[in-house]
Amino acid sequence: MTAGVLFEAGPWVATEIDEPQLPRLQRFFDDNPAYFLAIQGRPAGPDEARLEFDDRPPEGMPFDRRWLLGLADPAQPNGPLLGMAHVLKDFLAPQVWHVGLFIVATALHRTGASRRMYQALEAWMQQGGAHWVRLGVVLGNAPAGRFWEACGFTELRRREQVWTGTQAHTIRVMAKRLDGAGDLAGDFSDYLARVPRDQPGSTLP
């Protein structure tokens, strides 16, 4: 595998986005505004990439490592990003990884690219020690909800009045177990013991 490549996702490769690459990430956000229009009610701001790069969980929500990942055509090392993800390792508890943001270029929607990119990302997280993956989906964002359900995620709880930009949302907290098969895949008892804030009915942020 080429130096600097974290994993391959079909014809695309994932690399870590560092500070000098923020203009590239900003172009991706500018060229693919659908997520920001749906969630924030406006296109990406001029400093959106910087905000994402600097974003950290609130105090009291521990994590071990974070990555801002870009997916692109390896034949165009400096070409446009075609996808991105913001990932936290050991978030809230050991072996729990969190996908904070996952966006695929609009031109690739309904081509199977999103599923291929996520499957490669999930395999990479599992190789890194993930037993569970969690994420949040805005209630009402039906396409995203269907996508994550198709990827095997289960809703555990809902968070009310979560502000994103100028809009308040209800967030569906979803998770997927990676270390089991069959009936074990839907067993979250161990996970919920480790991450009590995700218990159904929890009022924790």
C-alpha atoms as a PDB file:
ATOM      1  CA  MET A   1       0.000   0.000   0.000  1.00  0.00           C
ATOM      2  CA  THR A   2       1.302   3.475  -0.896  1.00  0.00           C
ATOM      3  CA  ALA A   3       2.912   5.438   1.943  1.00  0.00           C
ATOM      4  CA  GLY A   4       0.402   7.662   3.685  1.00  0.00           C
ATOM      5  CA  VAL A   5      -2.603   5.616   2.550  1.00  0.00           C
ATOM      6  CA  LEU A   6      -4.637   4.370   5.505  1.00  0.00           C
ATOM      7  CA  PHE A   7      -6.913   2.073   3.519  1.00  0.00           C
ATOM      8  CA  GLU A   8      -8.273   1.430   0.064  1.00  0.00           C
ATOM      9  CA  ALA A   9     -11.978   1.669  -0.793  1.00  0.00           C
ATOM     10  CA  GLY A  10     -12.412   0.209  -4.241  1.00  0.00           C
ATOM     11  CA  PRO A  11     -10.906   2.725  -6.685  1.00  0.00           C
ATOM     12  CA  TRP A  12     -10.345   5.318  -3.953  1.00  0.00           C
ATOM     13  CA  VAL A  13      -7.795   5.651  -1.170  1.00  0.00           C
ATOM     14  CA  ALA A  14      -8.095   7.248   2.251  1.00  0.00           C
ATOM     15  CA  THR A  15      -5.424   9.515   3.676  1.00  0.00           C
ATOM     16  CA  GLU A  16      -5.311  11.760   6.717  1.00  0.00           C
ATOM     17  CA  ILE A  17      -6.128  15.419   6.138  1.00  0.00           C
ATOM     18  CA  ASP A  18      -3.546  17.627   7.805  1.00  0.00           C
ATOM     19  CA  GLU A  19      -3.564  21.387   8.226  1.00  0.00           C
ATOM     20  CA  PRO A  20      -1.970  22.244   4.838  1.00  0.00           C
ATOM     21  CA  GLN A  21      -4.790  20.323   3.136  1.00  0.00           C
ATOM     22  CA  LEU A  22      -7.594  22.381   4.665  1.00  0.00           C
ATOM     23  CA  PRO A  23      -8.137  24.372   1.418  1.00  0.00           C
ATOM     24  CA  ARG A  24      -8.751  21.046  -0.345  1.00  0.00           C
ATOM     25  CA  LEU A  25     -11.298  20.060   2.299  1.00  0.00           C
ATOM     26  CA  GLN A  26     -12.949  23.475   2.069  1.00  0.00           C
ATOM     27  CA  ARG A  27     -13.335  23.039  -1.691  1.00  0.00           C
ATOM     28  CA  PHE A  28     -14.988  19.687  -1.088  1.00  0.00           C
ATOM     29  CA  PHE A  29     -17.455  21.263   1.348  1.00  0.00           C
ATOM     30  CA  ASP A  30     -18.150  24.141  -1.059  1.00  0.00           C
ATOM     31  CA  ASP A  31     -18.702  21.791  -3.997  1.00  0.00           C
ATOM     32  CA  ASN A  32     -20.981  19.450  -2.040  1.00  0.00           C
ATOM     33  CA  PRO A  33     -23.354  21.653  -0.023  1.00  0.00           C
ATOM     34  CA  ALA A  34     -26.243  19.175   0.376  1.00  0.00           C
ATOM     35  CA  TYR A  35     -25.271  18.090   3.898  1.00  0.00           C
ATOM     36  CA  PHE A  36     -24.874  21.648   5.157  1.00  0.00           C
ATOM     37  CA  LEU A  37     -28.132  22.803   3.578  1.00  0.00           C
ATOM     38  CA  ALA A  38     -30.011  19.909   5.179  1.00  0.00           C
ATOM     39  CA  ILE A  39     -28.426  20.105   8.619  1.00  0.00           C
ATOM     40  CA  GLN A  40     -27.377  23.727   9.081  1.00  0.00           C
ATOM     41  CA  GLY A  41     -29.837  25.421   6.742  1.00  0.00           C
ATOM     42  CA  ARG A  42     -27.036  27.085   4.767  1.00  0.00           C
ATOM     43  CA  PRO A  43     -24.047  26.170   2.591  1.00  0.00           C
ATOM     44  CA  ALA A  44     -20.704  25.494   4.226  1.00  0.00           C
ATOM     45  CA  GLY A  45     -19.192  28.603   5.765  1.00  0.00           C
ATOM     46  CA  PRO A  46     -15.848  29.957   4.532  1.00  0.00           C
ATOM     47  CA  ASP A  47     -14.090  28.493   7.574  1.00  0.00           C
ATOM     48  CA  GLU A  48     -15.975  25.166   7.656  1.00  0.00           C
ATOM     49  CA  ALA A  49     -12.866  23.072   7.032  1.00  0.00           C
ATOM     50  CA  ARG A  50     -10.974  24.842   9.805  1.00  0.00           C
ATOM     51  CA  LEU A  51     -13.871  24.336  12.219  1.00  0.00           C
ATOM     52  CA  GLU A  52     -14.014  20.631  11.395  1.00  0.00           C
ATOM     53  CA  PHE A  53     -10.250  20.298  11.749  1.00  0.00           C
ATOM     54  CA  ASP A  54     -10.293  21.984  15.160  1.00  0.00           C
ATOM     55  CA  ASP A  55     -13.424  20.222  16.414  1.00  0.00           C
ATOM     56  CA  ARG A  56     -13.025  18.132  19.572  1.00  0.00           C
ATOM     57  CA  PRO A  57     -15.555  16.444  21.858  1.00  0.00           C
ATOM     58  CA  PRO A  58     -16.642  18.427  24.916  1.00  0.00           C
ATOM     59  CA  GLU A  59     -14.701  18.057  28.150  1.00  0.00           C
ATOM     60  CA  GLY A  60     -15.701  14.871  29.915  1.00  0.00           C
ATOM     61  CA  MET A  61     -16.004  12.872  26.681  1.00  0.00           C
ATOM     62  CA  PRO A  62     -12.624  11.107  26.450  1.00  0.00           C
ATOM     63  CA  PHE A  63     -11.084   9.670  23.313  1.00  0.00           C
ATOM     64  CA  ASP A  64      -7.712   8.230  22.364  1.00  0.00           C
ATOM     65  CA  ARG A  65      -7.111   9.425  18.792  1.00  0.00           C
ATOM     66  CA  ARG A  66      -8.899  11.294  16.036  1.00  0.00           C
ATOM     67  CA  TRP A  67      -8.610  11.307  12.272  1.00  0.00           C
ATOM     68  CA  LEU A  68      -9.932  13.639   9.615  1.00  0.00           C
ATOM     69  CA  LEU A  69      -9.873  11.463   6.516  1.00  0.00           C
ATOM     70  CA  GLY A  70     -10.143  12.295   2.845  1.00  0.00           C
ATOM     71  CA  LEU A  71     -11.019   9.816   0.095  1.00  0.00           C
ATOM     72  CA  ALA A  72      -9.797  10.490  -3.421  1.00  0.00           C
ATOM     73  CA  ASP A  73      -8.638   9.004  -6.699  1.00  0.00           C
ATOM     74  CA  PRO A  74      -5.017   7.849  -6.189  1.00  0.00           C
ATOM     75  CA  ALA A  75      -4.267   8.806  -9.790  1.00  0.00           C
ATOM     76  CA  GLN A  76      -4.883  12.446  -8.817  1.00  0.00           C
ATOM     77  CA  PRO A  77      -2.853  12.987  -5.611  1.00  0.00           C
ATOM     78  CA  ASN A  78      -3.825  16.653  -5.495  1.00  0.00           C
ATOM     79  CA  GLY A  79      -7.198  16.226  -7.152  1.00  0.00           C
ATOM     80  CA  PRO A  80     -10.599  16.839  -5.574  1.00  0.00           C
ATOM     81  CA  LEU A  81     -11.724  14.896  -2.554  1.00  0.00           C
ATOM     82  CA  LEU A  82     -14.595  12.515  -3.267  1.00  0.00           C
ATOM     83  CA  GLY A  83     -15.428  11.735   0.341  1.00  0.00           C
ATOM     84  CA  MET A  84     -14.438  12.559   3.913  1.00  0.00           C
ATOM     85  CA  ALA A  85     -14.893  11.209   7.421  1.00  0.00           C
ATOM     86  CA  HIS A  86     -14.204  12.425  10.948  1.00  0.00           C
ATOM     87  CA  VAL A  87     -13.407   9.480  13.229  1.00  0.00           C
ATOM     88  CA  LEU A  88     -12.644   9.107  16.942  1.00  0.00           C
ATOM     89  CA  LYS A  89     -10.979   6.058  18.477  1.00  0.00           C
ATOM     90  CA  ASP A  90     -11.943   4.795  21.955  1.00  0.00           C
ATOM     91  CA  PHE A  91     -14.580   7.494  22.327  1.00  0.00           C
ATOM     92  CA  LEU A  92     -16.318   7.396  25.728  1.00  0.00           C
ATOM     93  CA  ALA A  93     -15.013   3.846  26.319  1.00  0.00           C
ATOM     94  CA  PRO A  94     -12.306   1.496  25.033  1.00  0.00           C
ATOM     95  CA  GLN A  95     -13.077  -0.240  21.728  1.00  0.00           C
ATOM     96  CA  VAL A  96     -15.881   2.221  20.910  1.00  0.00           C
ATOM     97  CA  TRP A  97     -15.216   4.283  17.778  1.00  0.00           C
ATOM     98  CA  HIS A  98     -17.303   7.233  16.665  1.00  0.00           C
ATOM     99  CA  VAL A  99     -17.998   8.525  13.160  1.00  0.00           C
ATOM    100  CA  GLY A 100     -18.637  12.211  13.672  1.00  0.00           C
ATOM    101  CA  LEU A 101     -19.105  13.106  10.016  1.00  0.00           C
ATOM    102  CA  PHE A 102     -19.228  11.129   6.776  1.00  0.00           C
ATOM    103  CA  ILE A 103     -19.860  12.913   3.469  1.00  0.00           C
ATOM    104  CA  VAL A 104     -19.566  11.532  -0.060  1.00  0.00           C
ATOM    105  CA  ALA A 105     -19.505  13.749  -3.149  1.00  0.00           C
ATOM    106  CA  THR A 106     -23.016  14.352  -4.464  1.00  0.00           C
ATOM    107  CA  ALA A 107     -21.990  13.189  -7.944  1.00  0.00           C
ATOM    108  CA  LEU A 108     -21.339   9.717  -6.479  1.00  0.00           C
ATOM    109  CA  HIS A 109     -24.687   9.359  -4.722  1.00  0.00           C
ATOM    110  CA  ARG A 110     -26.799   6.392  -5.855  1.00  0.00           C
ATOM    111  CA  THR A 111     -23.748   4.723  -7.414  1.00  0.00           C
ATOM    112  CA  GLY A 112     -22.859   2.468  -4.477  1.00  0.00           C
ATOM    113  CA  ALA A 113     -19.799   4.587  -3.690  1.00  0.00           C
ATOM    114  CA  SER A 114     -21.022   5.620  -0.224  1.00  0.00           C
ATOM    115  CA  ARG A 115     -21.516   1.991   0.806  1.00  0.00           C
ATOM    116  CA  ARG A 116     -18.110   0.949  -0.548  1.00  0.00           C
ATOM    117  CA  MET A 117     -16.358   3.830   1.191  1.00  0.00           C
ATOM    118  CA  TYR A 118     -18.085   3.130   4.496  1.00  0.00           C
ATOM    119  CA  GLN A 119     -17.422  -0.618   4.340  1.00  0.00           C
ATOM    120  CA  ALA A 120     -13.717   0.078   3.834  1.00  0.00           C
ATOM    121  CA  LEU A 121     -13.760   2.601   6.682  1.00  0.00           C
ATOM    122  CA  GLU A 122     -15.491   0.091   8.957  1.00  0.00           C
ATOM    123  CA  ALA A 123     -12.970  -2.638   8.130  1.00  0.00           C
ATOM    124  CA  TRP A 124     -10.151  -0.207   8.929  1.00  0.00           C
ATOM    125  CA  MET A 125     -11.743   0.711  12.265  1.00  0.00           C
ATOM    126  CA  GLN A 126     -12.194  -2.946  13.148  1.00  0.00           C
ATOM    127  CA  GLN A 127      -8.560  -3.667  12.312  1.00  0.00           C
ATOM    128  CA  GLY A 128      -7.687  -0.788  14.639  1.00  0.00           C
ATOM    129  CA  GLY A 129      -9.510  -2.412  17.548  1.00  0.00           C
ATOM    130  CA  ALA A 130     -13.099  -1.219  17.219  1.00  0.00           C
ATOM    131  CA  HIS A 131     -15.719  -3.568  18.669  1.00  0.00           C
ATOM    132  CA  TRP A 132     -18.491  -1.028  18.301  1.00  0.00           C
ATOM    133  CA  VAL A 133     -19.094   2.005  16.088  1.00  0.00           C
ATOM    134  CA  ARG A 134     -21.491   4.786  17.055  1.00  0.00           C
ATOM    135  CA  LEU A 135     -22.759   7.886  15.260  1.00  0.00           C
ATOM    136  CA  GLY A 136     -25.604  10.397  15.269  1.00  0.00           C
ATOM    137  CA  VAL A 137     -28.208  10.938  12.548  1.00  0.00           C
ATOM    138  CA  VAL A 138     -30.553  13.911  12.385  1.00  0.00           C
ATOM    139  CA  LEU A 139     -34.166  12.803  12.758  1.00  0.00           C
ATOM    140  CA  GLY A 140     -35.893  13.740   9.528  1.00  0.00           C
ATOM    141  CA  ASN A 141     -32.810  13.157   7.387  1.00  0.00           C
ATOM    142  CA  ALA A 142     -34.453  10.090   5.873  1.00  0.00           C
ATOM    143  CA  PRO A 143     -31.791   9.260   3.251  1.00  0.00           C
ATOM    144  CA  ALA A 144     -29.044   9.238   5.906  1.00  0.00           C
ATOM    145  CA  GLY A 145     -31.202   7.187   8.255  1.00  0.00           C
ATOM    146  CA  ARG A 146     -31.879   4.590   5.576  1.00  0.00           C
ATOM    147  CA  PHE A 147     -28.215   4.461   4.640  1.00  0.00           C
ATOM    148  CA  TRP A 148     -27.002   3.772   8.171  1.00  0.00           C
ATOM    149  CA  GLU A 149     -29.732   1.236   8.812  1.00  0.00           C
ATOM    150  CA  ALA A 150     -28.726  -0.555   5.593  1.00  0.00           C
ATOM    151  CA  CYS A 151     -25.147  -0.565   6.930  1.00  0.00           C
ATOM    152  CA  GLY A 152     -26.366  -2.435  10.020  1.00  0.00           C
ATOM    153  CA  PHE A 153     -26.762   0.364  12.578  1.00  0.00           C
ATOM    154  CA  THR A 154     -29.435   0.290  15.278  1.00  0.00           C
ATOM    155  CA  GLU A 155     -30.986   3.311  16.992  1.00  0.00           C
ATOM    156  CA  LEU A 156     -30.347   3.252  20.750  1.00  0.00           C
ATOM    157  CA  ARG A 157     -31.660   6.606  21.958  1.00  0.00           C
ATOM    158  CA  ARG A 158     -32.537  10.147  20.876  1.00  0.00           C
ATOM    159  CA  ARG A 159     -30.988  13.449  21.899  1.00  0.00           C
ATOM    160  CA  GLU A 160     -33.306  16.450  21.836  1.00  0.00           C
ATOM    161  CA  GLN A 161     -32.545  20.081  21.009  1.00  0.00           C
ATOM    162  CA  VAL A 162     -29.064  19.610  19.591  1.00  0.00           C
ATOM    163  CA  TRP A 163     -28.041  22.812  17.835  1.00  0.00           C
ATOM    164  CA  THR A 164     -26.217  22.714  14.501  1.00  0.00           C
ATOM    165  CA  GLY A 165     -25.706  26.107  12.946  1.00  0.00           C
ATOM    166  CA  THR A 166     -28.978  27.975  13.471  1.00  0.00           C
ATOM    167  CA  GLN A 167     -31.146  24.868  13.645  1.00  0.00           C
ATOM    168  CA  ALA A 168     -32.080  22.616  16.558  1.00  0.00           C
ATOM    169  CA  HIS A 169     -32.404  18.917  15.811  1.00  0.00           C
ATOM    170  CA  THR A 170     -33.315  15.643  17.403  1.00  0.00           C
ATOM    171  CA  ILE A 171     -30.402  13.234  16.965  1.00  0.00           C
ATOM    172  CA  ARG A 172     -30.822   9.501  16.599  1.00  0.00           C
ATOM    173  CA  VAL A 173     -27.865   7.898  18.385  1.00  0.00           C
ATOM    174  CA  MET A 174     -27.056   4.721  16.472  1.00  0.00           C
ATOM    175  CA  ALA A 175     -24.499   1.982  16.985  1.00  0.00           C
ATOM    176  CA  LYS A 176     -23.259  -1.214  15.390  1.00  0.00           C
ATOM    177  CA  ARG A 177     -21.487  -4.143  16.941  1.00  0.00           C
ATOM    178  CA  LEU A 178     -18.472  -5.373  14.993  1.00  0.00           C
ATOM    179  CA  ASP A 179     -17.109  -8.157  17.195  1.00  0.00           C
ATOM    180  CA  GLY A 180     -19.947 -10.660  16.908  1.00  0.00           C
ATOM    181  CA  ALA A 181     -22.095 -12.518  14.421  1.00  0.00           C
ATOM    182  CA  GLY A 182     -25.657 -13.755  14.312  1.00  0.00           C
ATOM    183  CA  ASP A 183     -27.643 -12.872  17.436  1.00  0.00           C
ATOM    184  CA  LEU A 184     -24.594 -11.235  19.017  1.00  0.00           C
ATOM    185  CA  ALA A 185     -24.642  -8.521  16.357  1.00  0.00           C
ATOM    186  CA  GLY A 186     -27.757  -6.997  17.933  1.00  0.00           C
ATOM    187  CA  ASP A 187     -26.679  -7.431  21.561  1.00  0.00           C
ATOM    188  CA  PHE A 188     -25.720  -4.041  23.011  1.00  0.00           C
ATOM    189  CA  SER A 189     -25.800  -4.974  26.718  1.00  0.00           C
ATOM    190  CA  ASP A 190     -22.009  -4.839  27.072  1.00  0.00           C
ATOM    191  CA  TYR A 191     -21.847  -1.638  25.029  1.00  0.00           C
ATOM    192  CA  LEU A 192     -24.533   0.091  27.107  1.00  0.00           C
ATOM    193  CA  ALA A 193     -22.770  -0.924  30.316  1.00  0.00           C
ATOM    194  CA  ARG A 194     -19.671   0.835  28.998  1.00  0.00           C
ATOM    195  CA  VAL A 195     -21.522   3.820  27.507  1.00  0.00           C
ATOM    196  CA  PRO A 196     -24.494   4.489  29.825  1.00  0.00           C
ATOM    197  CA  ARG A 197     -25.260   7.821  28.131  1.00  0.00           C
ATOM    198  CA  ASP A 198     -26.542   5.807  25.155  1.00  0.00           C
ATOM    199  CA  GLN A 199     -29.086   3.881  27.228  1.00  0.00           C
ATOM    200  CA  PRO A 200     -32.615   4.216  25.755  1.00  0.00           C
ATOM    201  CA  GLY A 201     -34.323   7.085  27.525  1.00  0.00           C
ATOM    202  CA  SER A 202     -31.072   8.667  28.727  1.00  0.00           C
ATOM    203  CA  THR A 203     -31.112  12.440  29.078  1.00  0.00           C
ATOM    204  CA  LEU A 204     -27.319  12.808  29.053  1.00  0.00           C
ATOM    205  CA  PRO A 205     -25.948  14.949  26.205  1.00  0.00           C
END
